[in-house]
């Protein structure tokens, strides 16, 4: 019924997401473009996600981080499309914190192999 009314329905890590003609990657692309335009300097982008609905967002950034699900597994579609993605060691807020701090320090994250700059907003 939601799709018939023009909404997108995606399953996330813990919730179902209903949205219009946009997603996390569209919002992030706009935000990246805004900061590049406002600051006129290169910026380093990092994103963390745990499910298939995070794929486009993770492909967009310089340092994608895949969070494990509570059972320790990882989103298969993300792994298939971003094979060299950094995998966080712990799920939940503790793992998110450790992974983000590590990325900010330059420890343990890998830069996306694909040409992220071609997908980012200019």
Protein backbone atom coordinates (compact mmCIF):
# COMPACT_ATOMS: atom_id res chain seq x y z
CA UNK A 1 0.00 0.00 0.00
CA UNK A 2 2.86 2.44 0.78
CA UNK A 3 4.55 1.77 -2.58
CA UNK A 4 1.26 2.34 -4.39
CA UNK A 5 1.23 5.82 -2.85
CA UNK A 6 4.77 6.63 -4.00
CA UNK A 7 6.73 5.74 -0.90
CA UNK A 8 9.87 3.66 -0.72
CA UNK A 9 9.91 0.87 1.88
CA UNK A 10 13.26 -0.49 3.04
CA UNK A 11 14.23 -2.73 5.90
CA UNK A 12 17.01 -1.34 8.05
CA UNK A 13 18.98 -2.94 10.86
CA UNK A 14 16.22 -2.47 13.44
CA UNK A 15 13.39 -0.64 11.70
CA UNK A 16 11.45 -0.47 8.46
CA UNK A 17 12.02 2.86 6.69
CA UNK A 18 9.29 4.63 4.75
CA UNK A 19 10.40 7.58 2.64
CA UNK A 20 9.57 9.56 -0.45
CA UNK A 21 11.84 10.07 -3.44
CA UNK A 22 15.06 10.22 -1.41
CA UNK A 23 17.39 8.11 0.70
CA UNK A 24 20.39 8.47 2.98
CA UNK A 25 22.78 8.83 0.06
CA UNK A 26 20.79 11.70 -1.49
CA UNK A 27 20.76 13.54 1.85
CA UNK A 28 24.46 12.88 2.44
CA UNK A 29 25.38 13.98 -1.07
CA UNK A 30 23.57 17.29 -0.52
CA UNK A 31 25.32 17.76 2.83
CA UNK A 32 28.75 17.00 1.35
CA UNK A 33 28.09 19.41 -1.49
CA UNK A 34 27.02 22.12 0.96
CA UNK A 35 30.19 21.79 3.06
CA UNK A 36 32.46 21.73 0.00
CA UNK A 37 30.78 24.85 -1.36
CA UNK A 38 30.76 26.68 1.98
CA UNK A 39 34.30 25.82 3.08
CA UNK A 40 35.98 25.44 -0.33
CA UNK A 41 38.38 22.86 1.05
CA UNK A 42 38.64 19.10 0.64
CA UNK A 43 36.67 17.22 3.24
CA UNK A 44 37.04 13.64 4.43
CA UNK A 45 33.81 11.67 4.56
CA UNK A 46 33.01 8.75 6.85
CA UNK A 47 29.77 6.79 7.10
CA UNK A 48 28.73 3.88 9.26
CA UNK A 49 25.90 1.49 8.45
CA UNK A 50 24.73 -1.98 9.33
CA UNK A 51 22.22 -3.00 6.68
CA UNK A 52 21.57 -3.22 2.97
CA UNK A 53 19.63 0.06 2.97
CA UNK A 54 22.95 1.78 3.85
CA UNK A 55 24.69 0.58 0.67
CA UNK A 56 24.40 3.76 -1.42
CA UNK A 57 25.47 5.92 1.52
CA UNK A 58 28.50 3.70 2.19
CA UNK A 59 29.50 3.78 -1.49
CA UNK A 60 29.43 7.57 -1.44
CA UNK A 61 32.04 8.24 1.25
CA UNK A 62 35.82 8.05 1.50
CA UNK A 63 35.79 5.79 4.56
CA UNK A 64 32.82 3.41 4.70
CA UNK A 65 32.44 1.36 7.86
CA UNK A 66 30.13 -1.64 8.09
CA UNK A 67 28.78 -2.35 11.54
CA UNK A 68 28.02 -5.92 12.58
CA UNK A 69 24.48 -6.91 13.44
CA UNK A 70 23.84 -7.98 17.05
CA UNK A 71 24.46 -11.63 16.03
CA UNK A 72 27.89 -10.67 14.59
CA UNK A 73 26.92 -11.08 10.93
CA UNK A 74 27.31 -8.39 8.27
CA UNK A 75 24.97 -7.17 5.53
CA UNK A 76 25.60 -9.42 2.53
CA UNK A 77 24.61 -6.93 -0.17
CA UNK A 78 27.00 -4.32 1.25
CA UNK A 79 29.84 -6.85 1.36
CA UNK A 80 29.12 -7.89 -2.23
CA UNK A 81 29.22 -4.30 -3.54
CA UNK A 82 31.95 -2.86 -1.28
CA UNK A 83 34.25 -5.85 -0.73
CA UNK A 84 37.10 -3.90 0.91
CA UNK A 85 34.88 -2.08 3.38
CA UNK A 86 36.18 -1.76 6.92
CA UNK A 87 34.23 -4.03 9.28
CA UNK A 88 33.74 -2.78 12.82
CA UNK A 89 34.56 -5.27 15.54
CA UNK A 90 31.60 -4.69 17.85
CA UNK A 91 27.93 -3.95 17.26
CA UNK A 92 25.85 -1.26 18.89
CA UNK A 93 26.90 2.09 20.27
CA UNK A 94 30.21 0.80 21.66
CA UNK A 95 31.25 -0.54 18.26
CA UNK A 96 30.02 2.62 16.51
CA UNK A 97 32.09 4.76 18.89
CA UNK A 98 35.23 2.64 18.48
CA UNK A 99 34.92 2.52 14.69
CA UNK A 100 34.29 6.25 14.31
CA UNK A 101 37.13 7.24 16.65
CA UNK A 102 39.43 4.86 14.78
CA UNK A 103 38.44 6.43 11.45
CA UNK A 104 38.99 9.94 12.79
CA UNK A 105 42.43 8.91 14.01
CA UNK A 106 43.17 7.15 10.72
CA UNK A 107 43.45 3.77 12.43
CA UNK A 108 42.10 0.67 10.80
CA UNK A 109 39.81 2.13 8.16
CA UNK A 110 40.26 1.58 4.49
CA UNK A 111 39.51 4.14 1.84
CA UNK A 112 36.80 2.94 -0.52
CA UNK A 113 38.50 1.34 -3.52
CA UNK A 114 35.97 2.59 -6.03
CA UNK A 115 36.20 6.16 -7.19
CA UNK A 116 34.10 7.76 -4.46
CA UNK A 117 34.91 11.24 -5.70
CA UNK A 118 33.01 10.63 -8.92
CA UNK A 119 29.86 9.82 -6.95
CA UNK A 120 30.13 12.72 -4.51
CA UNK A 121 28.48 16.07 -4.96
CA UNK A 122 30.70 18.66 -6.54
